[in-house]
Structure formats: structure tokens, C-alpha cells
């Protein structure tokens, strides 16, 4: 059980870093009603970082559920 806890701790730190690396002033921070719809698109390294973040969160949730049923 302690191995899973350590893995979850490390994974949570990596998720925090991945979220902090993402660009500011994009996504939900765009003012509604503006015609600047190009900011919703992710390209290149921004898209890769977004997908990695989603994957990491999925692994975190799955591992947390497994740890819950083991305990």
C-alpha cells in the first residue's frame, strides 16, 4: 500500500507541474462574445502537453480507485 501512496504523491506533483506549464490566458479566460475563436485551438507542444496532462489525470484517478479498493 505504501508503494501506491508514494506513486500517487509523485504523480500528483507531476500533474501540478504539467498544469503550471500550460499557457495562461487561454481556454476559459477568453471573454464570451469575442470573435477570437482561434485561441481555442491547441497546436504543437501545447497540444502534446494538454494530452499528457489528461493522461496523467486519468492514471491518477484509476490508481486512486485501485488504492481505495485495496485498502
C-alpha atoms as a PDB file:
ATOM      1  CA  UNK A   1       0.000   0.000   0.000  1.00  0.00           C
ATOM      2  CA  UNK A   2       2.858   2.410   0.684  1.00  0.00           C
ATOM      3  CA  UNK A   3       4.152   1.917  -2.871  1.00  0.00           C
ATOM      4  CA  UNK A   4       0.801   3.070  -4.248  1.00  0.00           C
ATOM      5  CA  UNK A   5       0.809   6.065  -1.892  1.00  0.00           C
ATOM      6  CA  UNK A   6       4.297   7.081  -2.992  1.00  0.00           C
ATOM      7  CA  UNK A   7       3.289   6.635  -6.650  1.00  0.00           C
ATOM      8  CA  UNK A   8       0.208   8.841  -6.105  1.00  0.00           C
ATOM      9  CA  UNK A   9       2.320  11.512  -4.419  1.00  0.00           C
ATOM     10  CA  UNK A  10       4.843  11.595  -7.256  1.00  0.00           C
ATOM     11  CA  UNK A  11       2.068  11.558  -9.845  1.00  0.00           C
ATOM     12  CA  UNK A  12       0.283  14.453  -8.154  1.00  0.00           C
ATOM     13  CA  UNK A  13       3.470  16.551  -8.192  1.00  0.00           C
ATOM     14  CA  UNK A  14       3.937  15.790 -11.909  1.00  0.00           C
ATOM     15  CA  UNK A  15       0.310  16.774 -12.601  1.00  0.00           C
ATOM     16  CA  UNK A  16       0.765  20.064 -10.755  1.00  0.00           C
ATOM     17  CA  UNK A  17       3.871  20.826 -12.809  1.00  0.00           C
ATOM     18  CA  UNK A  18       2.129  19.907 -16.076  1.00  0.00           C
ATOM     19  CA  UNK A  19      -0.804  22.206 -15.299  1.00  0.00           C
ATOM     20  CA  UNK A  20       1.518  25.053 -14.321  1.00  0.00           C
ATOM     21  CA  UNK A  21       3.409  24.724 -17.626  1.00  0.00           C
ATOM     22  CA  UNK A  22       0.301  25.278 -19.707  1.00  0.00           C
ATOM     23  CA  UNK A  23      -0.164  28.694 -21.281  1.00  0.00           C
ATOM     24  CA  UNK A  24      -2.056  31.406 -19.446  1.00  0.00           C
ATOM     25  CA  UNK A  25      -4.901  33.470 -20.856  1.00  0.00           C
ATOM     26  CA  UNK A  26      -6.318  30.649 -22.958  1.00  0.00           C
ATOM     27  CA  UNK A  27      -9.299  28.384 -22.632  1.00  0.00           C
ATOM     28  CA  UNK A  28     -11.936  29.638 -20.201  1.00  0.00           C
ATOM     29  CA  UNK A  29     -10.258  33.016 -19.737  1.00  0.00           C
ATOM     30  CA  UNK A  30     -11.426  34.218 -23.176  1.00  0.00           C
ATOM     31  CA  UNK A  31     -14.192  36.783 -22.876  1.00  0.00           C
ATOM     32  CA  UNK A  32     -17.539  35.379 -24.066  1.00  0.00           C
ATOM     33  CA  UNK A  33     -18.832  37.094 -27.156  1.00  0.00           C
ATOM     34  CA  UNK A  34     -15.426  37.849 -28.639  1.00  0.00           C
ATOM     35  CA  UNK A  35     -14.709  36.713 -32.168  1.00  0.00           C
ATOM     36  CA  UNK A  36     -11.270  35.370 -31.299  1.00  0.00           C
ATOM     37  CA  UNK A  37     -12.061  31.669 -31.680  1.00  0.00           C
ATOM     38  CA  UNK A  38      -8.507  30.797 -32.774  1.00  0.00           C
ATOM     39  CA  UNK A  39      -7.374  30.744 -29.156  1.00  0.00           C
ATOM     40  CA  UNK A  40      -9.369  27.576 -28.541  1.00  0.00           C
ATOM     41  CA  UNK A  41      -7.079  25.556 -30.809  1.00  0.00           C
ATOM     42  CA  UNK A  42      -4.006  23.881 -29.406  1.00  0.00           C
ATOM     43  CA  UNK A  43      -1.103  23.151 -31.696  1.00  0.00           C
ATOM     44  CA  UNK A  44       2.321  21.609 -31.422  1.00  0.00           C
ATOM     45  CA  UNK A  45       3.825  21.309 -27.971  1.00  0.00           C
ATOM     46  CA  UNK A  46       0.745  22.871 -26.353  1.00  0.00           C
ATOM     47  CA  UNK A  47      -1.406  20.027 -27.698  1.00  0.00           C
ATOM     48  CA  UNK A  48       1.091  17.393 -26.531  1.00  0.00           C
ATOM     49  CA  UNK A  49       1.232  18.907 -23.042  1.00  0.00           C
ATOM     50  CA  UNK A  50      -2.578  19.029 -22.892  1.00  0.00           C
ATOM     51  CA  UNK A  51      -2.875  15.352 -23.843  1.00  0.00           C
ATOM     52  CA  UNK A  52      -0.151  14.335 -21.386  1.00  0.00           C
ATOM     53  CA  UNK A  53      -1.998  16.187 -18.617  1.00  0.00           C
ATOM     54  CA  UNK A  54      -5.249  14.382 -19.436  1.00  0.00           C
ATOM     55  CA  UNK A  55      -3.418  11.032 -19.485  1.00  0.00           C
ATOM     56  CA  UNK A  56      -1.717  11.742 -16.147  1.00  0.00           C
ATOM     57  CA  UNK A  57      -5.016  12.689 -14.503  1.00  0.00           C
ATOM     58  CA  UNK A  58      -6.631   9.517 -15.852  1.00  0.00           C
ATOM     59  CA  UNK A  59      -3.813   7.386 -14.404  1.00  0.00           C
ATOM     60  CA  UNK A  60      -4.117   9.252 -11.092  1.00  0.00           C
ATOM     61  CA  UNK A  61      -7.862   8.635 -10.833  1.00  0.00           C
ATOM     62  CA  UNK A  62      -7.507   4.973 -11.811  1.00  0.00           C
ATOM     63  CA  UNK A  63      -4.718   4.431  -9.285  1.00  0.00           C
ATOM     64  CA  UNK A  64      -6.748   6.178  -6.584  1.00  0.00           C
ATOM     65  CA  UNK A  65      -9.723   3.903  -7.238  1.00  0.00           C
ATOM     66  CA  UNK A  66      -7.482   0.837  -7.107  1.00  0.00           C
ATOM     67  CA  UNK A  67      -5.914   2.055  -3.834  1.00  0.00           C
ATOM     68  CA  UNK A  68      -9.388   2.586  -2.378  1.00  0.00           C
ATOM     69  CA  UNK A  69     -10.479  -0.986  -3.120  1.00  0.00           C
ATOM     70  CA  UNK A  70      -7.206  -2.488  -1.878  1.00  0.00           C
ATOM     71  CA  UNK A  71      -7.415  -0.685   1.484  1.00  0.00           C
END
